[in-house]
């Protein structure tokens, strides 16, 4: 949990659930530039180690196998509920942010748990698992089969855990950010969701926002590109949360 250093007595702050990548990633006690940046900007930030995270044994890590967007999504929703009960958090101003698998969870959260969120930022996320599988390199396909089963035998599961099919439920203001040269989570995944929202009558620039970067892949280690992402994140949250 990260909190701004200064807070006026009785003030209710906006809060953000930050979801890590992976899915077998882990939040731990250490310097997190995004969380520190958001806390310094006036947000309460919670980083839950949802089911499927590493660091709690193999049984906990494997709880998301063949269950992406299931038990782990319930944990994300519980993090939002926890924030809502804190006396220093504004319960009407809860947002979510994540990249890679965290981006996938952000898309799932706003489309399958829409009641929790006022604003959301999905960074290099996934929205359509079958199409992701089709376009993936063979070593990624092996990983996806290990994680979510066979795309044909388990087709119903793959569809049910793809946010693209539930885009009509989105109520939160959503920002999608993606690098054009992403080999792991192709930019098509965000484009599909953007186009689906447009087909549903949602207006880009009004109901949702979209940004592509031609000079980025699956994130970036370039400092100027990182600063650009920070500015995008801060500007969007300030306007919408």
Protein backbone atom coordinates (compact mmCIF):
# COMPACT_ATOMS: atom_id res chain seq x y z
CA UNK A 1 0.00 0.00 0.00
CA UNK A 2 1.30 3.44 -0.96
CA UNK A 3 -0.14 6.70 0.39
CA UNK A 4 0.68 10.33 -0.31
CA UNK A 5 2.99 11.75 2.33
CA UNK A 6 0.66 14.65 3.09
CA UNK A 7 -3.11 14.51 3.42
CA UNK A 8 -5.49 17.10 4.86
CA UNK A 9 -7.61 16.03 7.83
CA UNK A 10 -10.85 14.51 6.58
CA UNK A 11 -9.69 14.50 2.95
CA UNK A 12 -10.85 11.58 0.79
CA UNK A 13 -8.29 10.55 -1.81
CA UNK A 14 -8.71 8.74 -5.12
CA UNK A 15 -7.21 5.24 -5.16
CA UNK A 16 -5.80 2.83 -7.75
CA UNK A 17 -5.44 -0.94 -7.87
CA UNK A 18 -2.18 -1.74 -9.69
CA UNK A 19 -2.03 -5.24 -11.18
CA UNK A 20 1.34 -6.84 -11.92
CA UNK A 21 2.31 -8.68 -15.09
CA UNK A 22 3.05 -12.32 -15.46
CA UNK A 23 0.63 -13.79 -14.55
CA UNK A 24 3.31 -15.31 -12.33
CA UNK A 25 4.73 -11.95 -11.32
CA UNK A 26 4.95 -10.55 -7.81
CA UNK A 27 4.78 -7.25 -5.99
CA UNK A 28 7.32 -7.03 -3.17
CA UNK A 29 8.74 -4.46 -0.81
CA UNK A 30 11.06 -2.38 -2.93
CA UNK A 31 11.18 0.76 -5.02
CA UNK A 32 8.31 0.83 -7.52
CA UNK A 33 8.56 3.95 -9.69
CA UNK A 34 4.96 3.80 -10.90
CA UNK A 35 3.50 3.43 -7.41
CA UNK A 36 5.78 6.13 -6.01
CA UNK A 37 4.89 8.44 -8.88
CA UNK A 38 1.15 7.92 -8.38
CA UNK A 39 1.38 8.34 -4.61
CA UNK A 40 3.35 11.56 -5.11
CA UNK A 41 0.56 12.68 -7.46
CA UNK A 42 -2.04 12.26 -4.71
CA UNK A 43 -3.33 8.69 -5.16
CA UNK A 44 -3.55 5.80 -2.75
CA UNK A 45 -2.14 2.73 -4.51
CA UNK A 46 -2.62 -0.91 -3.59
CA UNK A 47 -0.58 -3.67 -5.22
CA UNK A 48 -2.26 -7.02 -4.50
CA UNK A 49 -0.45 -10.31 -5.02
CA UNK A 50 -3.46 -12.02 -6.53
CA UNK A 51 -3.84 -15.77 -6.94
CA UNK A 52 -1.32 -16.92 -9.52
CA UNK A 53 1.47 -14.71 -8.16
CA UNK A 54 4.86 -16.12 -7.23
CA UNK A 55 6.34 -15.87 -3.74
CA UNK A 56 3.71 -17.88 -1.84
CA UNK A 57 4.51 -21.42 -2.94
CA UNK A 58 3.66 -23.46 -6.01
CA UNK A 59 0.07 -24.17 -4.93
CA UNK A 60 -0.73 -20.45 -4.79
CA UNK A 61 1.16 -19.81 -8.03
CA UNK A 62 -0.82 -22.49 -9.87
CA UNK A 63 -4.23 -21.23 -8.72
CA UNK A 64 -4.60 -19.25 -11.95
CA UNK A 65 -3.92 -22.22 -14.25
CA UNK A 66 -6.87 -22.58 -16.63
CA UNK A 67 -8.46 -19.75 -14.67
CA UNK A 68 -7.15 -16.47 -16.09
CA UNK A 69 -9.69 -13.81 -15.30
CA UNK A 70 -11.34 -16.04 -12.68
CA UNK A 71 -10.06 -16.28 -9.11
CA UNK A 72 -7.39 -13.67 -9.82
CA UNK A 73 -10.06 -11.24 -11.02
CA UNK A 74 -12.00 -11.84 -7.80
CA UNK A 75 -8.87 -10.84 -5.88
CA UNK A 76 -8.56 -7.64 -7.90
CA UNK A 77 -12.19 -6.82 -7.11
CA UNK A 78 -11.55 -7.51 -3.42
CA UNK A 79 -8.64 -5.06 -3.50
CA UNK A 80 -11.04 -2.40 -4.80
CA UNK A 81 -13.50 -3.23 -2.02
CA UNK A 82 -10.73 -2.97 0.56
CA UNK A 83 -9.78 0.48 -0.72
CA UNK A 84 -13.41 1.52 -0.63
CA UNK A 85 -13.62 0.74 3.10
CA UNK A 86 -10.58 2.83 4.06
CA UNK A 87 -11.55 6.08 5.82
CA UNK A 88 -9.11 8.17 3.80
CA UNK A 89 -10.23 6.88 0.35
CA UNK A 90 -13.06 8.32 -1.75
CA UNK A 91 -15.18 5.21 -2.50
CA UNK A 92 -16.47 6.79 -5.71
CA UNK A 93 -12.99 7.34 -7.16
CA UNK A 94 -11.39 3.93 -7.61
CA UNK A 95 -9.24 3.22 -10.66
CA UNK A 96 -7.19 0.33 -12.02
CA UNK A 97 -3.90 0.22 -13.90
CA UNK A 98 -1.76 -2.61 -15.25
CA UNK A 99 0.60 -3.65 -18.01
CA UNK A 100 0.98 -6.93 -19.92
CA UNK A 101 -0.95 -9.48 -17.83
CA UNK A 102 -1.90 -6.51 -15.67
CA UNK A 103 -3.28 -4.94 -18.83
CA UNK A 104 -5.25 -8.12 -19.52
CA UNK A 105 -6.65 -7.97 -15.98
CA UNK A 106 -7.51 -4.30 -16.44
CA UNK A 107 -9.54 -5.12 -19.55
CA UNK A 108 -11.22 -8.01 -17.72
CA UNK A 109 -11.92 -5.89 -14.66
CA UNK A 110 -13.67 -3.07 -16.52
CA UNK A 111 -15.69 -5.49 -18.66
CA UNK A 112 -16.59 -8.16 -16.07
CA UNK A 113 -16.48 -6.17 -12.81
CA UNK A 114 -17.58 -2.77 -14.13
CA UNK A 115 -19.22 -1.63 -10.90
CA UNK A 116 -15.85 -1.09 -9.19
CA UNK A 117 -14.09 1.37 -11.47
CA UNK A 118 -14.30 5.02 -12.44
CA UNK A 119 -11.13 5.06 -14.57
CA UNK A 120 -8.75 2.45 -16.00
CA UNK A 121 -5.46 2.32 -17.90
CA UNK A 122 -4.68 -0.89 -19.83
CA UNK A 123 -1.07 -0.87 -20.98
CA UNK A 124 0.08 -3.46 -23.58
CA UNK A 125 -2.87 -5.64 -22.58
CA UNK A 126 -4.68 -8.66 -24.03
CA UNK A 127 -8.36 -8.76 -25.00
CA UNK A 128 -8.92 -11.80 -27.25
CA UNK A 129 -7.14 -15.01 -26.22
CA UNK A 130 -7.92 -17.08 -29.36
CA UNK A 131 -6.65 -14.33 -31.67
CA UNK A 132 -3.60 -13.87 -29.46
CA UNK A 133 -2.85 -17.57 -29.83
CA UNK A 134 -3.25 -17.45 -33.60
CA UNK A 135 -0.70 -14.65 -33.97
CA UNK A 136 1.81 -15.88 -31.37
CA UNK A 137 5.20 -17.50 -31.96
CA UNK A 138 5.43 -21.20 -31.13
CA UNK A 139 7.12 -20.80 -27.74
CA UNK A 140 4.36 -18.41 -26.67
CA UNK A 141 1.73 -20.88 -27.90
CA UNK A 142 3.28 -23.56 -25.70
CA UNK A 143 3.07 -21.20 -22.72
CA UNK A 144 -0.57 -20.31 -23.39
CA UNK A 145 -1.54 -24.00 -23.64
CA UNK A 146 0.22 -24.61 -20.34
CA UNK A 147 -1.66 -21.72 -18.74
CA UNK A 148 -5.14 -21.98 -20.28
CA UNK A 149 -5.44 -25.40 -21.87
CA UNK A 150 -6.02 -26.29 -25.51
CA UNK A 151 -7.54 -23.45 -27.57
CA UNK A 152 -9.87 -25.87 -29.36
CA UNK A 153 -10.81 -28.30 -26.58
CA UNK A 154 -11.17 -25.43 -24.12
CA UNK A 155 -12.62 -22.97 -26.64
CA UNK A 156 -15.53 -21.98 -24.37
CA UNK A 157 -13.14 -21.11 -21.55
CA UNK A 158 -10.87 -19.11 -23.85
CA UNK A 159 -13.85 -17.12 -25.11
CA UNK A 160 -15.32 -16.55 -21.66
CA UNK A 161 -11.98 -15.18 -20.43
CA UNK A 162 -11.57 -12.75 -23.33
CA UNK A 163 -12.66 -9.19 -22.49
CA UNK A 164 -13.52 -8.43 -26.14
CA UNK A 165 -16.80 -10.32 -25.72
CA UNK A 166 -17.87 -8.22 -22.74
CA UNK A 167 -16.90 -4.75 -23.95
CA UNK A 168 -20.52 -3.63 -23.81
CA UNK A 169 -20.27 -3.71 -19.99
CA UNK A 170 -17.54 -1.09 -19.75
CA UNK A 171 -18.58 1.95 -17.71
CA UNK A 172 -15.19 3.29 -16.64
CA UNK A 173 -13.28 5.85 -18.65
CA UNK A 174 -10.63 3.70 -20.31
CA UNK A 175 -7.20 4.54 -21.70
CA UNK A 176 -5.50 1.92 -23.88
CA UNK A 177 -1.75 2.24 -24.51
CA UNK A 178 0.22 -0.09 -26.77
CA UNK A 179 3.54 -0.28 -28.57
CA UNK A 180 3.29 -1.16 -32.26
CA UNK A 181 6.35 -3.43 -32.11
CA UNK A 182 5.15 -5.61 -29.21
CA UNK A 183 5.96 -9.31 -29.98
CA UNK A 184 4.46 -10.67 -26.74
CA UNK A 185 1.09 -8.87 -26.62
CA UNK A 186 0.55 -7.65 -30.21
CA UNK A 187 -0.92 -4.20 -30.74
CA UNK A 188 -3.85 -5.89 -32.50
CA UNK A 189 -5.16 -6.82 -29.05
CA UNK A 190 -5.80 -3.19 -28.11
CA UNK A 191 -6.96 -2.29 -31.60
CA UNK A 192 -9.62 -5.00 -31.44
CA UNK A 193 -11.00 -3.61 -28.19
CA UNK A 194 -10.89 -0.05 -29.49
CA UNK A 195 -12.80 -1.06 -32.61
CA UNK A 196 -15.29 -3.06 -30.57
CA UNK A 197 -16.03 -0.06 -28.36
CA UNK A 198 -16.48 2.11 -31.46
CA UNK A 199 -18.87 -0.46 -32.95
CA UNK A 200 -20.88 -0.27 -29.73
CA UNK A 201 -21.26 3.48 -30.20
CA UNK A 202 -18.59 4.55 -27.72
CA UNK A 203 -16.70 7.65 -28.82
CA UNK A 204 -12.92 7.84 -28.86
CA UNK A 205 -11.81 10.92 -26.96
CA UNK A 206 -15.07 11.02 -25.03
CA UNK A 207 -15.85 7.55 -23.69
CA UNK A 208 -12.37 6.10 -24.11
CA UNK A 209 -8.87 7.13 -25.16
CA UNK A 210 -6.29 5.28 -27.23
CA UNK A 211 -2.55 5.75 -27.76
CA UNK A 212 -0.11 3.80 -29.94
CA UNK A 213 3.64 4.24 -29.95
CA UNK A 214 5.49 3.28 -33.14
CA UNK A 215 8.84 3.36 -31.33
CA UNK A 216 7.95 0.90 -28.55
CA UNK A 217 7.53 -2.83 -28.08
CA UNK A 218 6.43 -4.63 -24.91
CA UNK A 219 7.17 -1.64 -22.74
CA UNK A 220 10.41 0.32 -22.98
CA UNK A 221 13.65 0.83 -21.09
CA UNK A 222 14.24 4.20 -22.77
CA UNK A 223 13.96 6.94 -20.17
CA UNK A 224 12.22 9.44 -22.45
CA UNK A 225 9.63 6.84 -23.46
CA UNK A 226 9.08 5.99 -19.79
CA UNK A 227 8.57 9.67 -18.98
CA UNK A 228 6.03 9.84 -21.81
CA UNK A 229 4.09 6.97 -20.22
CA UNK A 230 4.19 8.66 -16.82
CA UNK A 231 2.78 11.85 -18.32
CA UNK A 232 0.02 9.93 -20.12
CA UNK A 233 -0.93 8.07 -16.94
CA UNK A 234 -0.91 11.18 -14.75
CA UNK A 235 -2.87 13.30 -17.21
CA UNK A 236 -5.54 10.65 -17.76
CA UNK A 237 -6.05 9.89 -14.07
CA UNK A 238 -6.14 13.58 -13.18
CA UNK A 239 -8.90 14.20 -15.71
CA UNK A 240 -10.94 11.06 -15.05
CA UNK A 241 -10.39 9.97 -11.45
